[in-house]
């Protein structure tokens, strides 16, 4: 059973930064692509960023240039560095590996 445990959410002012972490267990982490999704109030869940087992990355247009996804296979952890945060980035952020999901930390961007 794959388990994904996220951390790092919270309240930040517009223009600020946060880093989310997702620690995975129960699978061969290095062989799996990892993704971050988010769901804002009243909206559908959307893909934010993904990273393949080989380290190739992809981003939603809305976050490209501001967010960076990375992984540390030695720690079985994937990260999402979020810079220049905007109020529209407010959402619950979910870590994903195949069909498994974390519980999702809330990120609130507000003055």
PDB file of N, CA and C in Angstrom:
ATOM      1  N   UNK A   1       0.846  -1.193   0.000  1.00  0.00           N
ATOM      2  CA  UNK A   1       0.000   0.000   0.000  1.00  0.00           C
ATOM      3  C   UNK A   1       0.880   1.242   0.000  1.00  0.00           C
ATOM      4  N   UNK A   2       0.658   2.086  -0.978  1.00  0.00           N
ATOM      5  CA  UNK A   2       1.420   3.325  -1.060  1.00  0.00           C
ATOM      6  C   UNK A   2       0.829   4.350  -0.103  1.00  0.00           C
ATOM      7  N   UNK A   3       1.700   5.010   0.632  1.00  0.00           N
ATOM      8  CA  UNK A   3       1.270   6.111   1.501  1.00  0.00           C
ATOM      9  C   UNK A   3       2.031   7.368   1.123  1.00  0.00           C
ATOM     10  N   UNK A   4       1.309   8.470   1.044  1.00  0.00           N
ATOM     11  CA  UNK A   4       1.888   9.764   0.698  1.00  0.00           C
ATOM     12  C   UNK A   4       1.548  10.740   1.810  1.00  0.00           C
ATOM     13  N   UNK A   5       2.571  11.328   2.403  1.00  0.00           N
ATOM     14  CA  UNK A   5       2.371  12.248   3.527  1.00  0.00           C
ATOM     15  C   UNK A   5       2.975  13.592   3.163  1.00  0.00           C
ATOM     16  N   UNK A   6       2.099  14.594   3.034  1.00  0.00           N
ATOM     17  CA  UNK A   6       2.544  15.926   2.652  1.00  0.00           C
ATOM     18  C   UNK A   6       2.777  16.797   3.879  1.00  0.00           C
ATOM     19  N   UNK A   7       3.590  17.813   3.677  1.00  0.00           N
ATOM     20  CA  UNK A   7       3.808  18.822   4.706  1.00  0.00           C
ATOM     21  C   UNK A   7       4.205  20.128   4.027  1.00  0.00           C
ATOM     22  N   UNK A   8       4.100  21.221   4.795  1.00  0.00           N
ATOM     23  CA  UNK A   8       4.595  22.492   4.303  1.00  0.00           C
ATOM     24  C   UNK A   8       3.553  23.519   3.921  1.00  0.00           C
ATOM     25  N   UNK A   9       2.286  23.218   4.060  1.00  0.00           N
ATOM     26  CA  UNK A   9       1.268  24.206   3.721  1.00  0.00           C
ATOM     27  C   UNK A   9       1.189  25.306   4.767  1.00  0.00           C
ATOM     28  N   UNK A  10       0.327  26.284   4.501  1.00  0.00           N
ATOM     29  CA  UNK A  10       0.144  27.360   5.459  1.00  0.00           C
ATOM     30  C   UNK A  10      -0.318  28.634   4.803  1.00  0.00           C
ATOM     31  N   UNK A  11      -0.215  29.717   5.576  1.00  0.00           N
ATOM     32  CA  UNK A  11      -0.633  31.044   5.111  1.00  0.00           C
ATOM     33  C   UNK A  11       0.591  31.848   4.705  1.00  0.00           C
ATOM     34  N   UNK A  12       0.522  32.468   3.546  1.00  0.00           N
ATOM     35  CA  UNK A  12       1.639  33.282   3.061  1.00  0.00           C
ATOM     36  C   UNK A  12       1.072  34.512   2.355  1.00  0.00           C
ATOM     37  N   UNK A  13       1.810  35.589   2.398  1.00  0.00           N
ATOM     38  CA  UNK A  13       1.380  36.817   1.734  1.00  0.00           C
ATOM     39  C   UNK A  13       1.654  36.732   0.231  1.00  0.00           C
ATOM     40  N   UNK A  14       0.896  37.467  -0.554  1.00  0.00           N
ATOM     41  CA  UNK A  14       1.179  37.509  -2.005  1.00  0.00           C
ATOM     42  C   UNK A  14       2.634  37.895  -2.255  1.00  0.00           C
ATOM     43  N   UNK A  15       3.251  37.205  -3.192  1.00  0.00           N
ATOM     44  CA  UNK A  15       4.657  37.422  -3.485  1.00  0.00           C
ATOM     45  C   UNK A  15       5.597  36.555  -2.681  1.00  0.00           C
ATOM     46  N   UNK A  16       5.057  35.867  -1.690  1.00  0.00           N
ATOM     47  CA  UNK A  16       5.874  35.029  -0.831  1.00  0.00           C
ATOM     48  C   UNK A  16       6.137  33.648  -1.419  1.00  0.00           C
ATOM     49  N   UNK A  17       6.809  32.820  -0.606  1.00  0.00           N
ATOM     50  CA  UNK A  17       7.206  31.488  -1.049  1.00  0.00           C
ATOM     51  C   UNK A  17       6.833  30.438  -0.010  1.00  0.00           C
ATOM     52  N   UNK A  18       6.607  29.237  -0.488  1.00  0.00           N
ATOM     53  CA  UNK A  18       6.397  28.075   0.364  1.00  0.00           C
ATOM     54  C   UNK A  18       6.999  26.870  -0.345  1.00  0.00           C
ATOM     55  N   UNK A  19       7.405  25.880   0.440  1.00  0.00           N
ATOM     56  CA  UNK A  19       7.849  24.617  -0.134  1.00  0.00           C
ATOM     57  C   UNK A  19       7.025  23.486   0.450  1.00  0.00           C
ATOM     58  N   UNK A  20       6.404  22.731  -0.425  1.00  0.00           N
ATOM     59  CA  UNK A  20       5.664  21.544  -0.015  1.00  0.00           C
ATOM     60  C   UNK A  20       6.552  20.317  -0.174  1.00  0.00           C
ATOM     61  N   UNK A  21       6.381  19.378   0.734  1.00  0.00           N
ATOM     62  CA  UNK A  21       7.089  18.106   0.668  1.00  0.00           C
ATOM     63  C   UNK A  21       6.082  16.971   0.686  1.00  0.00           C
ATOM     64  N   UNK A  22       6.446  15.873   0.042  1.00  0.00           N
ATOM     65  CA  UNK A  22       5.594  14.681   0.037  1.00  0.00           C
ATOM     66  C   UNK A  22       6.497  13.467   0.181  1.00  0.00           C
ATOM     67  N   UNK A  23       6.381  12.793   1.315  1.00  0.00           N
ATOM     68  CA  UNK A  23       7.170  11.602   1.575  1.00  0.00           C
ATOM     69  C   UNK A  23       6.349  10.371   1.215  1.00  0.00           C
ATOM     70  N   UNK A  24       6.928   9.501   0.400  1.00  0.00           N
ATOM     71  CA  UNK A  24       6.226   8.317  -0.083  1.00  0.00           C
ATOM     72  C   UNK A  24       6.799   7.054   0.548  1.00  0.00           C
ATOM     73  N   UNK A  25       5.937   6.084   0.774  1.00  0.00           N
ATOM     74  CA  UNK A  25       6.354   4.773   1.256  1.00  0.00           C
ATOM     75  C   UNK A  25       5.466   3.713   0.610  1.00  0.00           C
ATOM     76  N   UNK A  26       5.959   2.498   0.608  1.00  0.00           N
ATOM     77  CA  UNK A  26       5.154   1.396   0.098  1.00  0.00           C
ATOM     78  C   UNK A  26       5.327   1.106  -1.379  1.00  0.00           C
ATOM     79  N   UNK A  27       6.281   1.788  -2.006  1.00  0.00           N
ATOM     80  CA  UNK A  27       6.540   1.540  -3.421  1.00  0.00           C
ATOM     81  C   UNK A  27       8.015   1.795  -3.694  1.00  0.00           C
ATOM     82  N   UNK A  28       8.459   1.429  -4.893  1.00  0.00           N
ATOM     83  CA  UNK A  28       9.832   1.764  -5.297  1.00  0.00           C
ATOM     84  C   UNK A  28       9.774   3.181  -5.846  1.00  0.00           C
ATOM     85  N   UNK A  29      10.054   4.127  -4.960  1.00  0.00           N
ATOM     86  CA  UNK A  29       9.836   5.542  -5.267  1.00  0.00           C
ATOM     87  C   UNK A  29      10.539   5.959  -6.550  1.00  0.00           C
ATOM     88  N   UNK A  30      11.783   5.530  -6.710  1.00  0.00           N
ATOM     89  CA  UNK A  30      12.592   6.025  -7.819  1.00  0.00           C
ATOM     90  C   UNK A  30      12.043   5.605  -9.178  1.00  0.00           C
ATOM     91  N   UNK A  31      11.189   4.611  -9.217  1.00  0.00           N
ATOM     92  CA  UNK A  31      10.658   4.111 -10.485  1.00  0.00           C
ATOM     93  C   UNK A  31       9.340   4.779 -10.876  1.00  0.00           C
ATOM     94  N   UNK A  32       8.815   5.627 -10.001  1.00  0.00           N
ATOM     95  CA  UNK A  32       7.487   6.188 -10.224  1.00  0.00           C
ATOM     96  C   UNK A  32       7.513   7.684 -10.511  1.00  0.00           C
ATOM     97  N   UNK A  33       6.681   8.075 -11.474  1.00  0.00           N
ATOM     98  CA  UNK A  33       6.441   9.499 -11.670  1.00  0.00           C
ATOM     99  C   UNK A  33       5.644  10.034 -10.480  1.00  0.00           C
ATOM    100  N   UNK A  34       5.854  11.293 -10.163  1.00  0.00           N
ATOM    101  CA  UNK A  34       5.158  11.949  -9.071  1.00  0.00           C
ATOM    102  C   UNK A  34       4.521  13.232  -9.589  1.00  0.00           C
ATOM    103  N   UNK A  35       3.389  13.575  -9.020  1.00  0.00           N
ATOM    104  CA  UNK A  35       2.668  14.763  -9.475  1.00  0.00           C
ATOM    105  C   UNK A  35       2.107  15.532  -8.283  1.00  0.00           C
ATOM    106  N   UNK A  36       1.956  16.817  -8.486  1.00  0.00           N
ATOM    107  CA  UNK A  36       1.233  17.674  -7.545  1.00  0.00           C
ATOM    108  C   UNK A  36      -0.016  18.192  -8.260  1.00  0.00           C
ATOM    109  N   UNK A  37      -1.143  18.057  -7.596  1.00  0.00           N
ATOM    110  CA  UNK A  37      -2.399  18.623  -8.056  1.00  0.00           C
ATOM    111  C   UNK A  37      -2.867  19.649  -7.027  1.00  0.00           C
ATOM    112  N   UNK A  38      -3.826  20.455  -7.408  1.00  0.00           N
ATOM    113  CA  UNK A  38      -4.449  21.360  -6.443  1.00  0.00           C
ATOM    114  C   UNK A  38      -5.939  21.498  -6.759  1.00  0.00           C
ATOM    115  N   UNK A  39      -6.673  21.826  -5.704  1.00  0.00           N
ATOM    116  CA  UNK A  39      -8.107  22.049  -5.860  1.00  0.00           C
ATOM    117  C   UNK A  39      -8.496  23.277  -5.061  1.00  0.00           C
ATOM    118  N   UNK A  40      -8.928  24.302  -5.766  1.00  0.00           N
ATOM    119  CA  UNK A  40      -9.385  25.532  -5.137  1.00  0.00           C
ATOM    120  C   UNK A  40     -10.870  25.387  -4.807  1.00  0.00           C
ATOM    121  N   UNK A  41     -11.351  26.170  -3.853  1.00  0.00           N
ATOM    122  CA  UNK A  41     -12.768  26.095  -3.487  1.00  0.00           C
ATOM    123  C   UNK A  41     -13.686  26.298  -4.691  1.00  0.00           C
ATOM    124  N   UNK A  42     -14.605  25.367  -4.896  1.00  0.00           N
ATOM    125  CA  UNK A  42     -15.560  25.474  -5.982  1.00  0.00           C
ATOM    126  C   UNK A  42     -15.028  25.133  -7.354  1.00  0.00           C
ATOM    127  N   UNK A  43     -13.789  24.645  -7.414  1.00  0.00           N
ATOM    128  CA  UNK A  43     -13.186  24.323  -8.713  1.00  0.00           C
ATOM    129  C   UNK A  43     -12.776  22.865  -8.763  1.00  0.00           C
ATOM    130  N   UNK A  44     -12.524  22.387  -9.986  1.00  0.00           N
ATOM    131  CA  UNK A  44     -12.067  21.013 -10.155  1.00  0.00           C
ATOM    132  C   UNK A  44     -10.587  20.897  -9.810  1.00  0.00           C
ATOM    133  N   UNK A  45     -10.191  19.698  -9.445  1.00  0.00           N
ATOM    134  CA  UNK A  45      -8.784  19.431  -9.177  1.00  0.00           C
ATOM    135  C   UNK A  45      -8.010  19.561 -10.492  1.00  0.00           C
ATOM    136  N   UNK A  46      -6.844  20.201 -10.417  1.00  0.00           N
ATOM    137  CA  UNK A  46      -6.034  20.411 -11.611  1.00  0.00           C
ATOM    138  C   UNK A  46      -4.589  20.006 -11.374  1.00  0.00           C
ATOM    139  N   UNK A  47      -3.947  19.550 -12.446  1.00  0.00           N
ATOM    140  CA  UNK A  47      -2.537  19.192 -12.370  1.00  0.00           C
ATOM    141  C   UNK A  47      -1.691  20.459 -12.296  1.00  0.00           C
ATOM    142  N   UNK A  48      -0.802  20.501 -11.333  1.00  0.00           N
ATOM    143  CA  UNK A  48       0.098  21.646 -11.173  1.00  0.00           C
ATOM    144  C   UNK A  48       1.455  21.356 -11.792  1.00  0.00           C
ATOM    145  N   UNK A  49       2.029  20.197 -11.439  1.00  0.00           N
ATOM    146  CA  UNK A  49       3.364  19.864 -11.918  1.00  0.00           C
ATOM    147  C   UNK A  49       3.574  18.365 -11.801  1.00  0.00           C
ATOM    148  N   UNK A  50       4.458  17.847 -12.658  1.00  0.00           N
ATOM    149  CA  UNK A  50       4.800  16.439 -12.613  1.00  0.00           C
ATOM    150  C   UNK A  50       6.281  16.239 -12.861  1.00  0.00           C
ATOM    151  N   UNK A  51       6.800  15.135 -12.351  1.00  0.00           N
ATOM    152  CA  UNK A  51       8.200  14.792 -12.572  1.00  0.00           C
ATOM    153  C   UNK A  51       8.279  13.290 -12.806  1.00  0.00           C
ATOM    154  N   UNK A  52       8.965  12.908 -13.885  1.00  0.00           N
ATOM    155  CA  UNK A  52       9.086  11.494 -14.215  1.00  0.00           C
ATOM    156  C   UNK A  52      10.167  10.838 -13.350  1.00  0.00           C
ATOM    157  N   UNK A  53      10.275   9.532 -13.482  1.00  0.00           N
ATOM    158  CA  UNK A  53      11.322   8.815 -12.753  1.00  0.00           C
ATOM    159  C   UNK A  53      12.704   9.275 -13.214  1.00  0.00           C
ATOM    160  N   UNK A  54      12.789   9.735 -14.444  1.00  0.00           N
ATOM    161  CA  UNK A  54      14.064  10.205 -14.978  1.00  0.00           C
ATOM    162  C   UNK A  54      14.350  11.669 -14.709  1.00  0.00           C
ATOM    163  N   UNK A  55      13.391  12.349 -14.074  1.00  0.00           N
ATOM    164  CA  UNK A  55      13.612  13.744 -13.706  1.00  0.00           C
ATOM    165  C   UNK A  55      13.049  14.770 -14.673  1.00  0.00           C
ATOM    166  N   UNK A  56      12.385  14.331 -15.730  1.00  0.00           N
ATOM    167  CA  UNK A  56      11.750  15.290 -16.634  1.00  0.00           C
ATOM    168  C   UNK A  56      10.532  15.900 -15.948  1.00  0.00           C
ATOM    169  N   UNK A  57      10.339  17.194 -16.173  1.00  0.00           N
ATOM    170  CA  UNK A  57       9.267  17.905 -15.480  1.00  0.00           C
ATOM    171  C   UNK A  57       8.278  18.546 -16.461  1.00  0.00           C
ATOM    172  N   UNK A  58       7.075  18.776 -15.966  1.00  0.00           N
ATOM    173  CA  UNK A  58       6.082  19.518 -16.732  1.00  0.00           C
ATOM    174  C   UNK A  58       5.259  20.350 -15.754  1.00  0.00           C
ATOM    175  N   UNK A  59       4.731  21.461 -16.244  1.00  0.00           N
ATOM    176  CA  UNK A  59       4.015  22.407 -15.387  1.00  0.00           C
ATOM    177  C   UNK A  59       2.757  22.921 -16.067  1.00  0.00           C
ATOM    178  N   UNK A  60       1.781  23.264 -15.250  1.00  0.00           N
ATOM    179  CA  UNK A  60       0.631  23.998 -15.745  1.00  0.00           C
ATOM    180  C   UNK A  60       1.092  25.389 -16.174  1.00  0.00           C
ATOM    181  N   UNK A  61       0.444  25.928 -17.192  1.00  0.00           N
ATOM    182  CA  UNK A  61       0.825  27.255 -17.680  1.00  0.00           C
ATOM    183  C   UNK A  61       0.742  28.300 -16.571  1.00  0.00           C
ATOM    184  N   UNK A  62      -0.207  28.124 -15.670  1.00  0.00           N
ATOM    185  CA  UNK A  62      -0.449  29.122 -14.637  1.00  0.00           C
ATOM    186  C   UNK A  62       0.671  29.209 -13.600  1.00  0.00           C
ATOM    187  N   UNK A  63       1.519  28.179 -13.524  1.00  0.00           N
ATOM    188  CA  UNK A  63       2.574  28.179 -12.510  1.00  0.00           C
ATOM    189  C   UNK A  63       3.972  28.119 -13.110  1.00  0.00           C
ATOM    190  N   UNK A  64       4.067  27.920 -14.409  1.00  0.00           N
ATOM    191  CA  UNK A  64       5.381  27.781 -15.036  1.00  0.00           C
ATOM    192  C   UNK A  64       6.205  29.052 -14.801  1.00  0.00           C
ATOM    193  N   UNK A  65       7.441  28.846 -14.376  1.00  0.00           N
ATOM    194  CA  UNK A  65       8.317  29.971 -14.083  1.00  0.00           C
ATOM    195  C   UNK A  65       8.265  30.428 -12.630  1.00  0.00           C
ATOM    196  N   UNK A  66       7.241  29.970 -11.893  1.00  0.00           N
ATOM    197  CA  UNK A  66       7.118  30.343 -10.477  1.00  0.00           C
ATOM    198  C   UNK A  66       7.276  29.129  -9.561  1.00  0.00           C
ATOM    199  N   UNK A  67       6.826  27.977 -10.016  1.00  0.00           N
ATOM    200  CA  UNK A  67       6.892  26.751  -9.216  1.00  0.00           C
ATOM    201  C   UNK A  67       7.955  25.817  -9.783  1.00  0.00           C
ATOM    202  N   UNK A  68       8.586  25.056  -8.891  1.00  0.00           N
ATOM    203  CA  UNK A  68       9.572  24.061  -9.300  1.00  0.00           C
ATOM    204  C   UNK A  68       9.309  22.752  -8.576  1.00  0.00           C
ATOM    205  N   UNK A  69       9.168  21.683  -9.346  1.00  0.00           N
ATOM    206  CA  UNK A  69       9.016  20.355  -8.757  1.00  0.00           C
ATOM    207  C   UNK A  69      10.368  19.656  -8.818  1.00  0.00           C
ATOM    208  N   UNK A  70      10.691  18.936  -7.749  1.00  0.00           N
ATOM    209  CA  UNK A  70      11.948  18.199  -7.703  1.00  0.00           C
ATOM    210  C   UNK A  70      11.746  16.950  -6.869  1.00  0.00           C
ATOM    211  N   UNK A  71      12.713  16.052  -6.930  1.00  0.00           N
ATOM    212  CA  UNK A  71      12.598  14.823  -6.166  1.00  0.00           C
ATOM    213  C   UNK A  71      13.958  14.427  -5.606  1.00  0.00           C
ATOM    214  N   UNK A  72      13.919  13.771  -4.449  1.00  0.00           N
ATOM    215  CA  UNK A  72      15.108  13.214  -3.820  1.00  0.00           C
ATOM    216  C   UNK A  72      14.831  11.730  -3.618  1.00  0.00           C
ATOM    217  N   UNK A  73      15.359  10.918  -4.509  1.00  0.00           N
ATOM    218  CA  UNK A  73      15.063   9.485  -4.445  1.00  0.00           C
ATOM    219  C   UNK A  73      15.663   8.833  -3.201  1.00  0.00           C
ATOM    220  N   UNK A  74      16.727   9.385  -2.676  1.00  0.00           N
ATOM    221  CA  UNK A  74      17.328   8.831  -1.460  1.00  0.00           C
ATOM    222  C   UNK A  74      16.412   9.015  -0.255  1.00  0.00           C
ATOM    223  N   UNK A  75      15.567  10.051  -0.307  1.00  0.00           N
ATOM    224  CA  UNK A  75      14.644  10.341   0.796  1.00  0.00           C
ATOM    225  C   UNK A  75      13.203   9.963   0.449  1.00  0.00           C
ATOM    226  N   UNK A  76      12.991   9.389  -0.732  1.00  0.00           N
ATOM    227  CA  UNK A  76      11.631   9.039  -1.169  1.00  0.00           C
ATOM    228  C   UNK A  76      10.682  10.234  -1.061  1.00  0.00           C
ATOM    229  N   UNK A  77      11.158  11.377  -1.467  1.00  0.00           N
ATOM    230  CA  UNK A  77      10.403  12.616  -1.257  1.00  0.00           C
ATOM    231  C   UNK A  77      10.370  13.443  -2.539  1.00  0.00           C
ATOM    232  N   UNK A  78       9.216  14.029  -2.793  1.00  0.00           N
ATOM    233  CA  UNK A  78       9.063  14.980  -3.884  1.00  0.00           C
ATOM    234  C   UNK A  78       8.709  16.333  -3.277  1.00  0.00           C
ATOM    235  N   UNK A  79       9.193  17.382  -3.909  1.00  0.00           N
ATOM    236  CA  UNK A  79       9.010  18.740  -3.396  1.00  0.00           C
ATOM    237  C   UNK A  79       8.305  19.611  -4.436  1.00  0.00           C
ATOM    238  N   UNK A  80       7.641  20.639  -3.924  1.00  0.00           N
ATOM    239  CA  UNK A  80       7.103  21.670  -4.800  1.00  0.00           C
ATOM    240  C   UNK A  80       7.498  23.012  -4.203  1.00  0.00           C
ATOM    241  N   UNK A  81       8.462  23.666  -4.833  1.00  0.00           N
ATOM    242  CA  UNK A  81       8.874  25.001  -4.405  1.00  0.00           C
ATOM    243  C   UNK A  81       7.985  26.005  -5.116  1.00  0.00           C
ATOM    244  N   UNK A  82       7.292  26.823  -4.334  1.00  0.00           N
ATOM    245  CA  UNK A  82       6.348  27.788  -4.888  1.00  0.00           C
ATOM    246  C   UNK A  82       6.817  29.198  -4.558  1.00  0.00           C
ATOM    247  N   UNK A  83       7.140  29.947  -5.584  1.00  0.00           N
ATOM    248  CA  UNK A  83       7.594  31.331  -5.432  1.00  0.00           C
ATOM    249  C   UNK A  83       6.601  32.298  -6.068  1.00  0.00           C
ATOM    250  N   UNK A  84       6.728  33.547  -5.720  1.00  0.00           N
ATOM    251  CA  UNK A  84       5.864  34.599  -6.286  1.00  0.00           C
ATOM    252  C   UNK A  84       4.394  34.193  -6.213  1.00  0.00           C
ATOM    253  N   UNK A  85       4.002  33.746  -5.042  1.00  0.00           N
ATOM    254  CA  UNK A  85       2.646  33.230  -4.878  1.00  0.00           C
ATOM    255  C   UNK A  85       1.605  34.326  -5.052  1.00  0.00           C
ATOM    256  N   UNK A  86       0.469  33.906  -5.620  1.00  0.00           N
ATOM    257  CA  UNK A  86      -0.643  34.806  -5.901  1.00  0.00           C
ATOM    258  C   UNK A  86      -1.890  34.317  -5.156  1.00  0.00           C
ATOM    259  N   UNK A  87      -2.827  35.204  -4.886  1.00  0.00           N
ATOM    260  CA  UNK A  87      -4.064  34.750  -4.220  1.00  0.00           C
ATOM    261  C   UNK A  87      -4.747  33.609  -4.970  1.00  0.00           C
ATOM    262  N   UNK A  88      -4.643  33.596  -6.281  1.00  0.00           N
ATOM    263  CA  UNK A  88      -5.280  32.516  -7.055  1.00  0.00           C
ATOM    264  C   UNK A  88      -4.570  31.167  -6.917  1.00  0.00           C
ATOM    265  N   UNK A  89      -3.431  31.143  -6.233  1.00  0.00           N
ATOM    266  CA  UNK A  89      -2.762  29.873  -5.928  1.00  0.00           C
ATOM    267  C   UNK A  89      -3.350  29.216  -4.680  1.00  0.00           C
ATOM    268  N   UNK A  90      -4.253  29.909  -3.998  1.00  0.00           N
ATOM    269  CA  UNK A  90      -4.886  29.343  -2.815  1.00  0.00           C
ATOM    270  C   UNK A  90      -5.659  28.078  -3.176  1.00  0.00           C
ATOM    271  N   UNK A  91      -5.327  26.986  -2.499  1.00  0.00           N
ATOM    272  CA  UNK A  91      -5.945  25.692  -2.806  1.00  0.00           C
ATOM    273  C   UNK A  91      -5.433  24.642  -1.830  1.00  0.00           C
ATOM    274  N   UNK A  92      -6.067  23.490  -1.861  1.00  0.00           N
ATOM    275  CA  UNK A  92      -5.507  22.307  -1.217  1.00  0.00           C
ATOM    276  C   UNK A  92      -4.613  21.629  -2.260  1.00  0.00           C
ATOM    277  N   UNK A  93      -3.387  21.344  -1.870  1.00  0.00           N
ATOM    278  CA  UNK A  93      -2.408  20.753  -2.784  1.00  0.00           C
ATOM    279  C   UNK A  93      -2.237  19.274  -2.457  1.00  0.00           C
ATOM    280  N   UNK A  94      -2.367  18.425  -3.469  1.00  0.00           N
ATOM    281  CA  UNK A  94      -2.318  16.983  -3.294  1.00  0.00           C
ATOM    282  C   UNK A  94      -1.124  16.377  -4.020  1.00  0.00           C
ATOM    283  N   UNK A  95      -0.441  15.505  -3.323  1.00  0.00           N
ATOM    284  CA  UNK A  95       0.626  14.708  -3.912  1.00  0.00           C
ATOM    285  C   UNK A  95      -0.005  13.457  -4.508  1.00  0.00           C
ATOM    286  N   UNK A  96       0.516  13.034  -5.657  1.00  0.00           N
ATOM    287  CA  UNK A  96      -0.057  11.888  -6.355  1.00  0.00           C
ATOM    288  C   UNK A  96       1.014  10.983  -6.911  1.00  0.00           C
ATOM    289  N   UNK A  97       0.808   9.687  -6.706  1.00  0.00           N
ATOM    290  CA  UNK A  97       1.625   8.656  -7.351  1.00  0.00           C
ATOM    291  C   UNK A  97       0.657   7.594  -7.865  1.00  0.00           C
ATOM    292  N   UNK A  98       0.609   7.443  -9.170  1.00  0.00           N
ATOM    293  CA  UNK A  98      -0.348   6.534  -9.810  1.00  0.00           C
ATOM    294  C   UNK A  98      -1.744   6.823  -9.263  1.00  0.00           C
ATOM    295  N   UNK A  99      -2.422   5.861  -8.660  1.00  0.00           N
ATOM    296  CA  UNK A  99      -3.773   6.081  -8.160  1.00  0.00           C
ATOM    297  C   UNK A  99      -3.843   6.455  -6.699  1.00  0.00           C
ATOM    298  N   UNK A 100      -2.711   6.801  -6.121  1.00  0.00           N
ATOM    299  CA  UNK A 100      -2.664   7.102  -4.695  1.00  0.00           C
ATOM    300  C   UNK A 100      -2.532   8.605  -4.469  1.00  0.00           C
ATOM    301  N   UNK A 101      -3.176   9.064  -3.388  1.00  0.00           N
ATOM    302  CA  UNK A 101      -3.216  10.486  -3.075  1.00  0.00           C
ATOM    303  C   UNK A 101      -2.875  10.726  -1.623  1.00  0.00           C
ATOM    304  N   UNK A 102      -2.215  11.854  -1.381  1.00  0.00           N
ATOM    305  CA  UNK A 102      -2.057  12.314  -0.015  1.00  0.00           C
ATOM    306  C   UNK A 102      -3.305  13.047   0.442  1.00  0.00           C
ATOM    307  N   UNK A 103      -3.298  13.490   1.691  1.00  0.00           N
ATOM    308  CA  UNK A 103      -4.473  14.167   2.241  1.00  0.00           C
ATOM    309  C   UNK A 103      -4.535  15.629   1.849  1.00  0.00           C
ATOM    310  N   UNK A 104      -3.398  16.204   1.512  1.00  0.00           N
ATOM    311  CA  UNK A 104      -3.404  17.547   0.971  1.00  0.00           C
ATOM    312  C   UNK A 104      -3.298  18.665   1.979  1.00  0.00           C
ATOM    313  N   UNK A 105      -2.169  19.398   1.996  1.00  0.00           N
ATOM    314  CA  UNK A 105      -2.085  20.589   2.838  1.00  0.00           C
ATOM    315  C   UNK A 105      -2.762  21.788   2.165  1.00  0.00           C
ATOM    316  N   UNK A 106      -3.328  22.640   2.980  1.00  0.00           N
ATOM    317  CA  UNK A 106      -3.954  23.862   2.474  1.00  0.00           C
ATOM    318  C   UNK A 106      -2.902  24.947   2.348  1.00  0.00           C
ATOM    319  N   UNK A 107      -2.887  25.588   1.201  1.00  0.00           N
ATOM    320  CA  UNK A 107      -2.042  26.752   0.965  1.00  0.00           C
ATOM    321  C   UNK A 107      -2.970  27.947   0.779  1.00  0.00           C
ATOM    322  N   UNK A 108      -2.785  28.952   1.620  1.00  0.00           N
ATOM    323  CA  UNK A 108      -3.599  30.161   1.534  1.00  0.00           C
ATOM    324  C   UNK A 108      -2.690  31.338   1.266  1.00  0.00           C
ATOM    325  N   UNK A 109      -2.964  32.053   0.180  1.00  0.00           N
ATOM    326  CA  UNK A 109      -2.181  33.232  -0.181  1.00  0.00           C
ATOM    327  C   UNK A 109      -3.074  34.447   0.011  1.00  0.00           C
ATOM    328  N   UNK A 110      -2.757  35.216   1.026  1.00  0.00           N
ATOM    329  CA  UNK A 110      -3.619  36.335   1.380  1.00  0.00           C
ATOM    330  C   UNK A 110      -2.833  37.376   2.157  1.00  0.00           C
ATOM    331  N   UNK A 111      -3.201  38.641   1.955  1.00  0.00           N
ATOM    332  CA  UNK A 111      -2.584  39.710   2.719  1.00  0.00           C
ATOM    333  C   UNK A 111      -3.255  39.844   4.074  1.00  0.00           C
TER     334      UNK A 111
END
